[in-house]
Structures are given as structure tokens and as C-alpha cells.
Amino acid sequence: MANHLRFVGRTVMVQNGNVDAAYGVLNRILAQDGVVEAVRRCRYYEKPCVQRRRRAFEASRRVYCAEMARRIAFLARSNRQDPWLGC
């Protein structure tokens, strides 16, 4: 089981008996993976219309964030020509 990739990715080593720091690191890893939100969402029943609305919002947010990242990468690239050569 220790060779499973998701298990290894969520393994946190406790150093010098500092359990609080390791607990914080583990919470941050689980939040980034979306496990915390999934557990909170499954705690109560979610109506189908609310579920559809949430999934549509998440999809539109993914598209928006991907487009903005693409635009920022385009503007921040370093090998483009200077548009104002004579100025």
C-alpha cells in the first residue's frame, strides 16, 4: 500500500516530535487535493438542481482560470519583440 502514488503523495513525516506542524502540512495537502471540500459536500444531501448549478459553476471557473493563465503567460513571455523600438 505504501507504493500507491496517492498514499505516498499524502504522507507527512513528523520531525522532532512536532505533530502540530505535520498536521498543518497534511491539512494543506488534503485541501489542495479537494478532499476537505468533498467531505463537507457529502455531509448533507445536495439537491440535483443545486448539484448541476455547482458543477456548471466549477466548470466555468476552470475555463476562466485556464484562459486567464494563458493570457498572463502570453503577456509575460520573455522572447517577444519590443513593440516600440525607436522610443
Protein backbone atom coordinates (compact mmCIF):
# COMPACT_ATOMS: atom_id res chain seq x y z
CA MET A 1 0.00 0.00 0.00
CA ALA A 2 2.92 2.35 0.64
CA ASN A 3 3.84 2.17 -3.07
CA HIS A 4 0.49 3.61 -4.11
CA LEU A 5 1.09 7.08 -5.59
CA ARG A 6 -1.75 8.89 -3.81
CA PHE A 7 -0.71 7.35 -0.49
CA VAL A 8 2.88 8.47 -0.96
CA GLY A 9 1.75 11.93 -2.07
CA ARG A 10 -0.25 12.37 1.14
CA THR A 11 2.38 11.02 3.51
CA VAL A 12 3.73 13.52 6.02
CA MET A 13 6.79 12.83 8.13
CA VAL A 14 6.80 14.11 11.74
CA GLN A 15 10.14 15.69 12.55
CA ASN A 16 11.41 16.12 16.12
CA GLY A 17 8.00 15.19 17.53
CA ASN A 18 6.37 18.32 16.05
CA VAL A 19 2.94 16.86 15.38
CA ASP A 20 1.19 20.24 15.04
CA ALA A 21 3.33 21.28 12.07
CA ALA A 22 2.85 17.90 10.40
CA TYR A 23 -0.91 18.17 10.97
CA GLY A 24 -0.92 21.59 9.30
CA VAL A 25 1.03 20.25 6.32
CA LEU A 26 -1.37 17.32 5.99
CA ASN A 27 -4.40 19.64 6.11
CA ARG A 28 -2.86 21.82 3.41
CA ILE A 29 -2.20 18.78 1.19
CA LEU A 30 -5.76 17.49 1.64
CA ALA A 31 -7.22 20.94 0.94
CA GLN A 32 -5.22 21.23 -2.28
CA ASP A 33 -6.45 17.79 -3.38
CA GLY A 34 -10.05 18.79 -2.70
CA VAL A 35 -10.66 16.08 -0.12
CA VAL A 36 -11.88 18.52 2.54
CA GLU A 37 -14.48 20.07 0.22
CA ALA A 38 -15.67 16.64 -0.91
CA VAL A 39 -16.18 15.51 2.69
CA ARG A 40 -18.06 18.70 3.57
CA ARG A 41 -20.19 18.39 0.45
CA CYS A 42 -21.09 14.76 1.23
CA ARG A 43 -22.07 15.56 4.79
CA TYR A 44 -25.58 16.63 3.72
CA TYR A 45 -27.78 15.77 0.78
CA GLU A 46 -27.37 18.04 -2.21
CA LYS A 47 -30.40 18.52 -4.41
CA PRO A 48 -29.88 17.65 -8.09
CA CYS A 49 -30.56 21.22 -9.25
CA VAL A 50 -28.01 22.61 -6.77
CA GLN A 51 -25.54 19.94 -7.83
CA ARG A 52 -25.95 20.83 -11.51
CA ARG A 53 -25.55 24.53 -10.75
CA ARG A 54 -22.40 23.88 -8.67
CA ARG A 55 -20.84 21.66 -11.34
CA ALA A 56 -21.61 24.24 -14.05
CA PHE A 57 -20.04 26.97 -11.92
CA GLU A 58 -16.93 24.86 -11.29
CA ALA A 59 -16.59 24.09 -15.00
CA SER A 60 -16.96 27.74 -15.99
CA ARG A 61 -14.44 28.74 -13.33
CA ARG A 62 -11.94 26.16 -14.66
CA VAL A 63 -12.36 27.55 -18.20
CA TYR A 64 -11.99 31.14 -16.98
CA CYS A 65 -8.88 30.38 -14.91
CA ALA A 66 -7.28 28.47 -17.78
CA GLU A 67 -7.95 31.34 -20.18
CA MET A 68 -6.56 33.92 -17.77
CA ALA A 69 -3.45 31.79 -17.17
CA ARG A 70 -2.97 31.52 -20.93
CA ARG A 71 -3.27 35.30 -21.34
CA ILE A 72 -0.88 36.02 -18.49
CA ALA A 73 1.65 33.55 -19.89
CA PHE A 74 1.34 35.23 -23.28
CA LEU A 75 1.98 38.68 -21.81
CA ALA A 76 4.76 37.53 -19.50
CA ARG A 77 6.79 35.66 -22.11
CA SER A 78 10.33 36.90 -22.39
CA ASN A 79 11.24 36.22 -26.02
CA ARG A 80 8.87 38.66 -27.72
CA GLN A 81 10.00 41.63 -29.76
CA ASP A 82 9.86 45.14 -28.37
CA PRO A 83 6.85 46.91 -29.96
CA TRP A 84 8.40 50.38 -29.53
CA LEU A 85 11.88 50.09 -30.99
CA GLY A 86 12.56 53.77 -31.60
CA CYS A 87 11.15 55.16 -28.36
